[in-house]
Amino acid sequence: MTATFELYVDTQGEHRWRLVHANGNIIASSGEGYASKQKAKQGIQSVKTNAPDADVVETMGTTR
């Protein structure tokens, strides 16, 4: 495996996750804090389940 999901608690006490490549680069992050570790783990599972073969779409404009 070339990437690992990391679970951590941010400075506000919320649980977050990030997907980190073996070279240390952050590939993706939760983008939001969760009130519980369980909810953060559900977020990881959602990414694994819902986007294993997600399409790449090029857009013009600003990021969301």
N, C-alpha and C. Protein backbone atom coordinates (compact mmCIF):
# COMPACT_ATOMS: atom_id res chain seq x y z
N MET A 1 0.84 -1.19 0.00
CA MET A 1 0.00 0.00 0.00
C MET A 1 0.88 1.23 0.00
N THR A 2 0.54 2.21 -0.81
CA THR A 2 1.34 3.42 -0.89
C THR A 2 0.76 4.58 -0.11
N ALA A 3 -0.38 4.36 0.53
CA ALA A 3 -1.00 5.44 1.31
C ALA A 3 -1.66 4.87 2.56
N THR A 4 -1.80 5.73 3.57
CA THR A 4 -2.38 5.34 4.84
C THR A 4 -3.35 6.41 5.32
N PHE A 5 -4.49 5.99 5.85
CA PHE A 5 -5.39 6.94 6.50
C PHE A 5 -4.89 7.19 7.92
N GLU A 6 -4.76 8.45 8.29
CA GLU A 6 -4.39 8.83 9.65
C GLU A 6 -5.59 9.46 10.33
N LEU A 7 -5.90 9.04 11.54
CA LEU A 7 -6.93 9.65 12.38
C LEU A 7 -6.22 10.51 13.41
N TYR A 8 -6.73 11.72 13.64
CA TYR A 8 -6.12 12.58 14.65
C TYR A 8 -7.15 13.54 15.22
N VAL A 9 -6.79 14.20 16.31
CA VAL A 9 -7.65 15.20 16.94
C VAL A 9 -7.02 16.56 16.67
N ASP A 10 -7.84 17.49 16.16
CA ASP A 10 -7.32 18.82 15.83
C ASP A 10 -7.27 19.72 17.07
N THR A 11 -6.86 20.96 16.88
CA THR A 11 -6.70 21.89 18.00
C THR A 11 -8.03 22.27 18.65
N GLN A 12 -9.14 22.02 17.95
CA GLN A 12 -10.47 22.30 18.50
C GLN A 12 -11.07 21.09 19.20
N GLY A 13 -10.30 19.99 19.25
CA GLY A 13 -10.79 18.78 19.89
C GLY A 13 -11.67 17.92 19.01
N GLU A 14 -11.71 18.22 17.71
CA GLU A 14 -12.52 17.43 16.78
C GLU A 14 -11.66 16.37 16.11
N HIS A 15 -12.30 15.28 15.73
CA HIS A 15 -11.61 14.17 15.07
C HIS A 15 -11.58 14.42 13.57
N ARG A 16 -10.45 14.16 12.97
CA ARG A 16 -10.28 14.33 11.53
C ARG A 16 -9.49 13.16 10.98
N TRP A 17 -9.51 13.04 9.65
CA TRP A 17 -8.68 12.05 8.98
C TRP A 17 -7.96 12.71 7.82
N ARG A 18 -6.84 12.09 7.44
CA ARG A 18 -6.13 12.50 6.23
C ARG A 18 -5.53 11.25 5.61
N LEU A 19 -5.45 11.25 4.30
CA LEU A 19 -4.85 10.15 3.55
C LEU A 19 -3.45 10.59 3.16
N VAL A 20 -2.44 9.87 3.66
CA VAL A 20 -1.05 10.27 3.48
C VAL A 20 -0.31 9.23 2.63
N HIS A 21 0.33 9.71 1.58
CA HIS A 21 1.14 8.85 0.72
C HIS A 21 2.39 8.42 1.48
N ALA A 22 3.00 7.33 1.06
CA ALA A 22 4.21 6.83 1.71
C ALA A 22 5.34 7.87 1.72
N ASN A 23 5.31 8.82 0.77
CA ASN A 23 6.35 9.85 0.73
C ASN A 23 6.06 11.02 1.67
N GLY A 24 4.94 10.95 2.40
CA GLY A 24 4.58 11.99 3.37
C GLY A 24 3.61 13.03 2.86
N ASN A 25 3.34 13.05 1.57
CA ASN A 25 2.39 14.03 1.02
C ASN A 25 0.96 13.68 1.42
N ILE A 26 0.19 14.70 1.78
CA ILE A 26 -1.23 14.51 2.08
C ILE A 26 -2.00 14.49 0.77
N ILE A 27 -2.68 13.39 0.53
CA ILE A 27 -3.43 13.20 -0.71
C ILE A 27 -4.85 13.74 -0.57
N ALA A 28 -5.46 13.52 0.59
CA ALA A 28 -6.83 13.97 0.84
C ALA A 28 -7.02 14.15 2.34
N SER A 29 -8.03 14.94 2.69
CA SER A 29 -8.34 15.13 4.11
C SER A 29 -9.85 15.22 4.28
N SER A 30 -10.28 15.08 5.52
CA SER A 30 -11.71 15.07 5.81
C SER A 30 -12.38 16.39 5.48
N GLY A 31 -11.65 17.48 5.57
CA GLY A 31 -12.25 18.78 5.26
C GLY A 31 -13.17 19.32 6.34
N GLU A 32 -13.45 18.51 7.32
CA GLU A 32 -14.30 18.93 8.43
C GLU A 32 -13.91 18.12 9.66
N GLY A 33 -14.22 18.65 10.81
CA GLY A 33 -13.99 17.93 12.05
C GLY A 33 -15.23 17.15 12.44
N TYR A 34 -15.03 16.02 13.08
CA TYR A 34 -16.13 15.18 13.55
C TYR A 34 -16.15 15.19 15.07
N ALA A 35 -17.33 15.09 15.65
CA ALA A 35 -17.47 15.10 17.10
C ALA A 35 -16.93 13.83 17.75
N SER A 36 -16.88 12.73 16.99
CA SER A 36 -16.40 11.48 17.57
C SER A 36 -15.45 10.77 16.61
N LYS A 37 -14.61 9.91 17.17
CA LYS A 37 -13.71 9.11 16.36
C LYS A 37 -14.51 8.18 15.45
N GLN A 38 -15.62 7.66 15.97
CA GLN A 38 -16.48 6.77 15.19
C GLN A 38 -16.97 7.45 13.91
N LYS A 39 -17.39 8.70 14.02
CA LYS A 39 -17.88 9.43 12.84
C LYS A 39 -16.74 9.67 11.85
N ALA A 40 -15.54 9.95 12.33
CA ALA A 40 -14.39 10.12 11.45
C ALA A 40 -14.08 8.82 10.72
N LYS A 41 -14.17 7.70 11.42
CA LYS A 41 -13.95 6.40 10.80
C LYS A 41 -15.02 6.10 9.74
N GLN A 42 -16.25 6.54 10.00
CA GLN A 42 -17.32 6.38 9.01
C GLN A 42 -17.01 7.21 7.76
N GLY A 43 -16.41 8.39 7.96
CA GLY A 43 -16.01 9.21 6.82
C GLY A 43 -14.96 8.52 5.97
N ILE A 44 -13.99 7.88 6.61
CA ILE A 44 -12.98 7.11 5.88
C ILE A 44 -13.64 5.98 5.10
N GLN A 45 -14.52 5.25 5.74
CA GLN A 45 -15.19 4.14 5.08
C GLN A 45 -16.01 4.63 3.90
N SER A 46 -16.63 5.80 4.03
CA SER A 46 -17.42 6.36 2.93
C SER A 46 -16.54 6.63 1.72
N VAL A 47 -15.36 7.18 1.94
CA VAL A 47 -14.44 7.43 0.83
C VAL A 47 -14.04 6.11 0.18
N LYS A 48 -13.69 5.13 0.99
CA LYS A 48 -13.28 3.83 0.46
C LYS A 48 -14.40 3.18 -0.35
N THR A 49 -15.63 3.31 0.13
CA THR A 49 -16.77 2.66 -0.51
C THR A 49 -17.27 3.41 -1.74
N ASN A 50 -17.39 4.73 -1.62
CA ASN A 50 -18.05 5.51 -2.66
C ASN A 50 -17.15 6.07 -3.75
N ALA A 51 -15.84 5.99 -3.59
CA ALA A 51 -14.98 6.59 -4.61
C ALA A 51 -13.80 5.72 -5.03
N PRO A 52 -13.98 4.40 -5.08
CA PRO A 52 -12.81 3.58 -5.45
C PRO A 52 -12.37 3.81 -6.89
N ASP A 53 -13.29 4.16 -7.76
CA ASP A 53 -12.98 4.40 -9.17
C ASP A 53 -13.58 5.71 -9.65
N ALA A 54 -13.52 6.73 -8.79
CA ALA A 54 -14.13 8.02 -9.12
C ALA A 54 -13.53 8.61 -10.40
N ASP A 55 -14.40 9.18 -11.22
CA ASP A 55 -13.95 9.85 -12.44
C ASP A 55 -13.21 11.14 -12.10
N VAL A 56 -12.35 11.55 -13.01
CA VAL A 56 -11.68 12.84 -12.89
C VAL A 56 -12.34 13.78 -13.89
N VAL A 57 -12.81 14.93 -13.39
CA VAL A 57 -13.48 15.91 -14.23
C VAL A 57 -12.71 17.21 -14.14
N GLU A 58 -12.31 17.74 -15.30
CA GLU A 58 -11.61 19.02 -15.32
C GLU A 58 -12.64 20.14 -15.38
N THR A 59 -12.42 21.17 -14.56
CA THR A 59 -13.33 22.31 -14.54
C THR A 59 -12.56 23.60 -14.72
N MET A 60 -13.23 24.60 -15.12
CA MET A 60 -12.65 25.94 -15.23
C MET A 60 -13.20 26.76 -14.10
N GLY A 61 -12.37 27.45 -13.39
CA GLY A 61 -12.86 28.29 -12.32
C GLY A 61 -12.15 28.02 -11.01
N THR A 62 -12.75 28.53 -9.95
CA THR A 62 -12.13 28.45 -8.63
C THR A 62 -12.45 27.13 -7.97
N THR A 63 -11.71 26.84 -6.91
CA THR A 63 -11.98 25.64 -6.14
C THR A 63 -13.23 25.85 -5.31
N ARG A 64 -13.78 24.78 -4.81
CA ARG A 64 -15.00 24.88 -4.02
C ARG A 64 -14.73 25.40 -2.68
